[in-house]
Amino acid sequence: MLNKAFIEQKLDKIKNYYKELEKILEIEDSQIIENTINLRAIERIFQLIVDEMIDINLHLIRELNLSSPQDFQSGFEILAKGKILPYDFARKIAPVVGLRNRLVHRYEEIDRKFFLRQVGEEREDFIKYIRYIEEFLNKK
């Protein structure tokens, strides 16, 4: 059974993390790169946002009996097939899981400038994700 309250709670967390992220991203990139504390804060906030999105995706997939994802990244495409996310958007946002995994599991050293550029470019997608999920919930 779809638990709207659970999803809404997760969306609220994403919104709050996003506000925190925006505050730190107001600082110049060079100062963020030089200040490890700010950089680690961005990394952690990014991870938390992606974790919440993964939780939402898995809940929707499970409760709507959509096909099982091969991995967390494919969960976005499954939501697109289920008409919850636009297909182009799902393909665009799905790689955030890979970046999250690289951060969390330290598979490789991530270039700080590259990471900041990615977060800067993708942060609006977090807001779009929230909107798409809220639109879906409003239809239910």
Protein backbone atom coordinates (compact mmCIF):
# COMPACT_ATOMS: atom_id res chain seq x y z
CA MET A 1 0.00 0.00 0.00
CA LEU A 2 1.38 3.36 -1.03
CA ASN A 3 2.31 5.35 2.05
CA LYS A 4 1.92 9.01 1.07
CA ALA A 5 2.99 10.24 4.51
CA PHE A 6 6.26 8.31 4.24
CA ILE A 7 6.99 9.81 0.81
CA GLU A 8 6.00 13.32 1.89
CA GLN A 9 8.30 13.04 4.90
CA LYS A 10 11.15 12.02 2.60
CA LEU A 11 10.37 14.92 0.24
CA ASP A 12 10.44 17.34 3.18
CA LYS A 13 13.88 16.03 4.13
CA ILE A 14 15.10 16.59 0.57
CA LYS A 15 13.74 20.15 0.65
CA ASN A 16 15.54 20.87 3.94
CA TYR A 17 18.80 19.34 2.70
CA TYR A 18 18.46 21.38 -0.48
CA LYS A 19 18.20 24.61 1.55
CA GLU A 20 21.36 23.64 3.44
CA LEU A 21 23.12 22.88 0.17
CA GLU A 22 22.11 26.23 -1.32
CA LYS A 23 23.59 28.10 1.66
CA ILE A 24 26.96 26.44 1.23
CA LEU A 25 26.93 26.83 -2.55
CA GLU A 26 26.66 30.61 -2.09
CA ILE A 27 30.33 30.49 -1.15
CA GLU A 28 32.80 30.83 -4.02
CA ASP A 29 33.98 27.52 -5.44
CA SER A 30 37.62 28.30 -4.66
CA GLN A 31 36.76 28.84 -0.99
CA ILE A 32 34.76 25.61 -0.85
CA ILE A 33 37.62 23.67 -2.40
CA GLU A 34 40.12 25.17 0.03
CA ASN A 35 37.86 24.56 3.04
CA THR A 36 37.52 20.82 3.53
CA ILE A 37 34.68 21.28 6.02
CA ASN A 38 32.46 22.99 3.45
CA LEU A 39 33.35 20.42 0.82
CA ARG A 40 32.58 17.51 3.17
CA ALA A 41 29.30 19.18 4.12
CA ILE A 42 28.31 19.37 0.44
CA GLU A 43 29.31 15.74 -0.07
CA ARG A 44 27.23 14.61 2.89
CA ILE A 45 24.19 16.69 1.96
CA PHE A 46 24.39 15.38 -1.61
CA GLN A 47 24.52 11.82 -0.27
CA LEU A 48 21.53 12.41 2.01
CA ILE A 49 19.44 13.85 -0.83
CA VAL A 50 20.23 10.92 -3.11
CA ASP A 51 19.56 8.44 -0.28
CA GLU A 52 16.10 9.93 0.25
CA MET A 53 15.36 9.75 -3.48
CA ILE A 54 16.44 6.09 -3.52
CA ASP A 55 14.11 5.38 -0.59
CA ILE A 56 11.20 7.05 -2.38
CA ASN A 57 11.94 5.22 -5.62
CA LEU A 58 12.09 1.84 -3.89
CA HIS A 59 8.86 2.48 -1.99
CA LEU A 60 7.01 3.48 -5.16
CA ILE A 61 8.41 0.53 -7.10
CA ARG A 62 7.49 -1.95 -4.37
CA GLU A 63 4.04 -0.60 -3.57
CA LEU A 64 3.00 -0.06 -7.18
CA ASN A 65 4.30 -3.48 -8.20
CA LEU A 66 6.63 -2.06 -10.83
CA SER A 67 9.48 -4.18 -12.18
CA SER A 68 12.39 -4.76 -9.81
CA PRO A 69 15.40 -2.50 -10.32
CA GLN A 70 18.76 -4.08 -11.10
CA ASP A 71 20.36 -1.38 -8.97
CA PHE A 72 19.46 1.94 -7.37
CA GLN A 73 20.25 3.86 -10.53
CA SER A 74 17.78 1.87 -12.64
CA GLY A 75 15.02 2.75 -10.16
CA PHE A 76 14.62 6.12 -11.89
CA GLU A 77 13.98 4.49 -15.27
CA ILE A 78 11.47 2.13 -13.70
CA LEU A 79 9.59 5.16 -12.35
CA ALA A 80 9.64 6.57 -15.89
CA LYS A 81 8.15 3.35 -17.24
CA GLY A 82 5.52 3.64 -14.51
CA LYS A 83 4.67 7.17 -15.73
CA ILE A 84 5.85 8.78 -12.48
CA LEU A 85 8.88 10.56 -13.94
CA PRO A 86 9.38 11.77 -17.52
CA TYR A 87 11.72 9.38 -19.30
CA ASP A 88 14.28 12.04 -20.34
CA PHE A 89 14.40 13.37 -16.81
CA ALA A 90 14.85 9.90 -15.32
CA ARG A 91 17.80 9.23 -17.62
CA LYS A 92 19.31 12.61 -16.75
CA ILE A 93 19.03 12.28 -12.97
CA ALA A 94 19.87 8.58 -12.58
CA PRO A 95 23.67 9.09 -12.64
CA VAL A 96 23.50 10.92 -9.29
CA VAL A 97 23.45 7.44 -7.76
CA GLY A 98 26.80 6.62 -9.32
CA LEU A 99 28.31 9.85 -8.05
CA ARG A 100 26.86 9.16 -4.60
CA ASN A 101 28.39 5.68 -4.64
CA ARG A 102 31.78 7.07 -5.61
CA LEU A 103 31.60 9.47 -2.66
CA VAL A 104 30.32 7.00 -0.09
CA HIS A 105 32.40 3.99 -1.02
CA ARG A 106 35.48 5.94 -2.06
CA TYR A 107 35.86 3.89 -5.21
CA GLU A 108 38.16 6.55 -6.55
CA GLU A 109 39.28 10.04 -5.73
CA ILE A 110 36.81 12.56 -7.10
CA ASP A 111 38.13 15.80 -8.51
CA ARG A 112 36.78 18.53 -6.24
CA LYS A 113 36.13 20.98 -9.07
CA PHE A 114 34.30 18.29 -11.05
CA PHE A 115 32.19 17.38 -8.03
CA LEU A 116 31.22 21.00 -7.32
CA ARG A 117 30.36 21.55 -10.99
CA GLN A 118 28.19 18.41 -11.00
CA VAL A 119 26.34 19.38 -7.83
CA GLY A 120 25.87 22.91 -9.12
CA GLU A 121 24.46 21.68 -12.42
CA GLU A 122 22.28 18.94 -10.94
CA ARG A 123 20.81 20.66 -7.92
CA GLU A 124 17.84 22.00 -9.87
CA ASP A 125 17.06 18.41 -10.79
CA PHE A 126 16.45 17.70 -7.10
CA ILE A 127 13.66 20.30 -7.15
CA LYS A 128 12.25 18.84 -10.37
CA TYR A 129 12.28 15.37 -8.80
CA ILE A 130 10.29 16.70 -5.84
CA ARG A 131 7.75 18.30 -8.17
CA TYR A 132 7.28 15.16 -10.23
CA ILE A 133 6.77 12.99 -7.16
CA GLU A 134 4.36 15.52 -5.61
CA GLU A 135 2.39 15.69 -8.88
CA PHE A 136 2.13 11.92 -8.88
CA LEU A 137 0.99 11.85 -5.23
CA ASN A 138 -1.63 14.52 -5.93
CA LYS A 139 -3.14 12.31 -8.63
CA LYS A 140 -3.47 9.41 -6.19
